[in-house]
Amino acid sequence: MNKLSFIYFTKSLIVITILVNIISGNLLAQSKNPSPLNFPTPKNIDNMLFYIQRDPNVNTAIYTINYDENGKINKSNPIKAYWIRYAENGEIKDFNYMQRKFAYGIESKTVNNEEFELQFVSYKKLPFILKKIDSDQKYHVFVSVNQKKIQVEKIFVRIEGGSFWLPNVKYAEVTGIETSSNKTITERMLLK
């Protein structure tokens, strides 16, 4: 190898090494939750379907089946949602009007006797399906993200600044059971 080839080889190797370090650093940063908060996992909640956690605090939105007094699903309003305000000693509180109508509330429409289409009032581009499944005869919520059908367990919304009316939402991550593999997965999606 002549001197010119050696210098070219060395420079190429340095550039490749730098690029690999940058790419692997970016991948590592994406795989970690960038939030400085330690989110609690809601436990022992009757009829819970899934929950949402987001910056800027650890308060958690809980979504449960809304049964009527006869133990049947309330078909006109199948979801009951409320806060567990972990930042306030775990107090349970209903969504206020603004949260229910513009942020965390869910609209539903009946598909058939045991199935409902759900949409968040703040993001109607992503339909969810609430349905009873044969294997356990319980209701579960399903969504398709990145061409994967997921039985939803939790959603994390990364917010960086903005305001109540216009939060700067970077992405949402849906965690749950992928129906085709029966394995737990987390899928990230950019919300636009």
Protein backbone atom coordinates (compact mmCIF):
# COMPACT_ATOMS: atom_id res chain seq x y z
CA MET A 1 0.00 0.00 0.00
CA ASN A 2 1.53 3.32 -0.99
CA LYS A 3 1.55 6.38 1.24
CA LEU A 4 -1.33 8.10 -0.59
CA SER A 5 -3.57 5.02 -0.34
CA PHE A 6 -2.73 4.65 3.36
CA ILE A 7 -3.70 8.28 4.09
CA TYR A 8 -6.99 7.88 2.16
CA PHE A 9 -7.72 4.60 4.00
CA THR A 10 -7.00 6.21 7.40
CA LYS A 11 -9.23 9.23 6.70
CA SER A 12 -12.04 6.97 5.46
CA LEU A 13 -11.77 4.82 8.57
CA ILE A 14 -11.98 7.91 10.82
CA VAL A 15 -15.07 9.20 8.98
CA ILE A 16 -16.77 5.79 9.17
CA THR A 17 -15.98 5.52 12.89
CA ILE A 18 -17.46 8.98 13.55
CA LEU A 19 -20.61 8.15 11.54
CA VAL A 20 -21.10 4.84 13.36
CA ASN A 21 -20.76 6.60 16.72
CA ILE A 22 -23.28 9.29 15.72
CA ILE A 23 -25.80 6.76 14.39
CA SER A 24 -25.48 4.42 17.38
CA GLY A 25 -25.80 7.38 19.76
CA ASN A 26 -29.00 8.48 18.01
CA LEU A 27 -30.45 4.97 18.15
CA LEU A 28 -29.61 4.69 21.84
CA ALA A 29 -31.23 8.06 22.53
CA GLN A 30 -34.39 6.98 20.68
CA SER A 31 -34.66 3.74 22.63
CA LYS A 32 -34.59 5.49 26.02
CA ASN A 33 -37.47 7.42 27.51
CA PRO A 34 -36.16 11.01 27.45
CA SER A 35 -38.51 12.10 30.20
CA PRO A 36 -36.82 12.80 33.52
CA LEU A 37 -39.96 11.58 35.30
CA ASN A 38 -40.39 8.15 36.87
CA PHE A 39 -43.91 7.12 35.97
CA PRO A 40 -45.81 4.79 38.32
CA THR A 41 -47.65 1.80 36.89
CA PRO A 42 -51.36 1.85 37.78
CA LYS A 43 -52.33 -1.33 39.65
CA ASN A 44 -55.53 -3.04 40.81
CA ILE A 45 -57.89 -0.88 38.78
CA ASP A 46 -61.20 -2.57 38.01
CA ASN A 47 -62.05 -2.88 34.31
CA MET A 48 -58.99 -0.89 33.16
CA LEU A 49 -58.40 -1.03 29.41
CA PHE A 50 -55.29 1.16 29.14
CA TYR A 51 -53.73 4.33 30.51
CA ILE A 52 -51.93 7.41 29.20
CA GLN A 53 -48.89 9.05 30.71
CA ARG A 54 -47.22 12.16 29.38
CA ASP A 55 -44.91 14.97 30.22
CA PRO A 56 -44.93 17.28 32.16
CA ASN A 57 -46.01 15.33 35.29
CA VAL A 58 -46.75 11.80 36.52
CA ASN A 59 -50.54 12.20 36.65
CA THR A 60 -52.05 9.33 34.67
CA ALA A 61 -55.21 9.18 32.57
CA ILE A 62 -57.07 5.90 33.16
CA TYR A 63 -59.52 4.42 30.65
CA THR A 64 -61.94 1.73 31.88
CA ILE A 65 -65.06 -0.06 30.65
CA ASN A 66 -68.19 1.87 31.58
CA TYR A 67 -70.71 -0.72 32.74
CA ASP A 68 -74.32 0.16 33.50
CA GLU A 69 -76.17 -0.88 36.67
CA ASN A 70 -76.99 -4.29 35.09
CA GLY A 71 -73.32 -5.11 34.46
CA LYS A 72 -73.64 -4.54 30.69
CA ILE A 73 -71.46 -2.19 28.71
CA ASN A 74 -72.98 1.27 28.36
CA LYS A 75 -73.37 1.35 24.58
CA SER A 76 -73.84 5.10 24.33
CA ASN A 77 -70.73 5.79 26.45
CA PRO A 78 -68.59 2.61 26.66
CA ILE A 79 -65.48 4.25 28.15
CA LYS A 80 -65.07 5.91 31.52
CA ALA A 81 -61.95 8.03 31.86
CA TYR A 82 -60.41 9.86 34.82
CA TRP A 83 -57.12 10.91 36.39
CA ILE A 84 -55.05 9.26 39.03
CA ARG A 85 -53.22 12.35 40.18
CA TYR A 86 -50.03 10.73 41.45
CA ALA A 87 -48.48 14.19 41.81
CA GLU A 88 -51.26 14.95 44.34
CA ASN A 89 -51.07 11.89 46.62
CA GLY A 90 -52.82 9.60 44.13
CA GLU A 91 -56.13 11.48 44.22
CA ILE A 92 -58.72 10.23 41.71
CA LYS A 93 -60.36 13.03 39.74
CA ASP A 94 -62.63 13.23 36.72
CA PHE A 95 -61.38 15.07 33.65
CA ASN A 96 -62.48 18.68 33.67
CA TYR A 97 -64.58 20.01 30.80
CA MET A 98 -61.60 21.25 28.77
CA GLN A 99 -59.69 17.98 29.18
CA ARG A 100 -62.75 15.92 28.26
CA LYS A 101 -63.77 18.01 25.23
CA PHE A 102 -60.39 19.05 23.81
CA ALA A 103 -57.62 16.77 25.06
CA TYR A 104 -58.13 13.36 26.67
CA GLY A 105 -61.78 12.61 26.05
CA ILE A 106 -62.92 9.80 23.77
CA GLU A 107 -65.75 9.75 21.27
CA SER A 108 -67.28 6.41 20.36
CA LYS A 109 -69.61 4.93 17.82
CA THR A 110 -71.13 1.46 17.83
CA VAL A 111 -69.85 -0.90 15.14
CA ASN A 112 -71.94 -3.86 16.31
CA ASN A 113 -73.30 -5.30 19.56
CA GLU A 114 -69.88 -5.96 21.14
CA GLU A 115 -67.60 -3.62 19.14
CA PHE A 116 -67.04 0.14 19.16
CA GLU A 117 -64.83 2.55 17.24
CA LEU A 118 -63.05 5.05 19.49
CA GLN A 119 -61.28 8.32 18.71
CA PHE A 120 -59.51 10.75 20.97
CA VAL A 121 -61.07 14.21 20.71
CA SER A 122 -57.61 15.70 20.26
CA TYR A 123 -56.39 13.31 17.53
CA LYS A 124 -59.05 11.78 15.30
CA LYS A 125 -56.65 10.41 12.67
CA LEU A 126 -56.03 7.20 14.63
CA PRO A 127 -59.11 5.02 15.22
CA PHE A 128 -59.10 2.52 18.08
CA ILE A 129 -61.40 -0.50 18.34
CA LEU A 130 -62.99 -1.63 21.60
CA LYS A 131 -64.25 -5.19 21.40
CA LYS A 132 -64.88 -8.28 23.45
CA ILE A 133 -62.56 -11.13 22.52
CA ASP A 134 -63.38 -14.82 22.66
CA SER A 135 -60.28 -16.00 24.53
CA ASP A 136 -61.12 -14.30 27.84
CA GLN A 137 -64.61 -12.85 27.17
CA LYS A 138 -63.35 -9.39 28.17
CA TYR A 139 -63.20 -6.09 26.37
CA HIS A 140 -59.87 -4.85 25.02
CA VAL A 141 -58.77 -1.88 22.93
CA PHE A 142 -56.89 -2.41 19.67
CA VAL A 143 -55.06 -0.06 17.32
CA SER A 144 -52.89 -0.42 14.23
CA VAL A 145 -49.57 1.43 14.42
CA ASN A 146 -46.78 1.03 11.88
CA GLN A 147 -48.74 -1.81 10.28
CA LYS A 148 -48.90 -3.75 13.55
CA LYS A 149 -52.15 -4.55 15.34
CA ILE A 150 -51.70 -3.93 19.05
CA GLN A 151 -53.88 -4.71 22.05
CA VAL A 152 -53.25 -1.44 23.88
CA GLU A 153 -51.97 -1.42 27.46
CA LYS A 154 -50.47 2.04 27.71
CA ILE A 155 -49.71 5.15 25.70
CA PHE A 156 -46.91 7.59 26.39
CA VAL A 157 -47.07 11.08 24.86
CA ARG A 158 -43.82 13.05 24.70
CA ILE A 159 -44.54 16.77 25.04
CA GLU A 160 -41.82 19.41 24.87
CA GLY A 161 -43.22 22.82 25.69
CA GLY A 162 -46.02 24.59 23.89
CA SER A 163 -49.25 25.59 25.63
CA PHE A 164 -52.48 23.94 26.75
CA TRP A 165 -54.15 24.76 23.44
CA LEU A 166 -51.11 23.97 21.32
CA PRO A 167 -48.74 21.57 23.08
CA ASN A 168 -45.58 20.64 21.23
CA VAL A 169 -46.18 16.89 20.91
CA LYS A 170 -43.04 15.16 19.65
CA TYR A 171 -44.46 11.63 19.43
CA ALA A 172 -46.67 9.01 21.05
CA GLU A 173 -45.68 5.46 21.92
CA VAL A 174 -48.22 2.66 22.11
CA THR A 175 -47.26 -0.33 24.25
CA GLY A 176 -49.22 -3.55 24.28
CA ILE A 177 -49.50 -7.05 22.88
CA GLU A 178 -48.92 -7.47 19.16
CA THR A 179 -51.78 -9.70 18.08
CA SER A 180 -49.82 -11.69 15.46
CA SER A 181 -46.91 -12.64 17.75
CA ASN A 182 -48.57 -12.37 21.18
CA LYS A 183 -45.47 -10.46 22.38
CA THR A 184 -45.22 -7.13 24.13
CA ILE A 185 -44.10 -4.34 21.82
CA THR A 186 -43.81 -0.56 21.83
CA GLU A 187 -44.42 1.32 18.60
CA ARG A 188 -43.61 5.02 18.23
CA MET A 189 -45.53 7.33 15.94
CA LEU A 190 -45.08 10.96 15.05
CA LEU A 191 -48.30 12.94 15.42
CA LYS A 192 -48.95 15.53 12.76
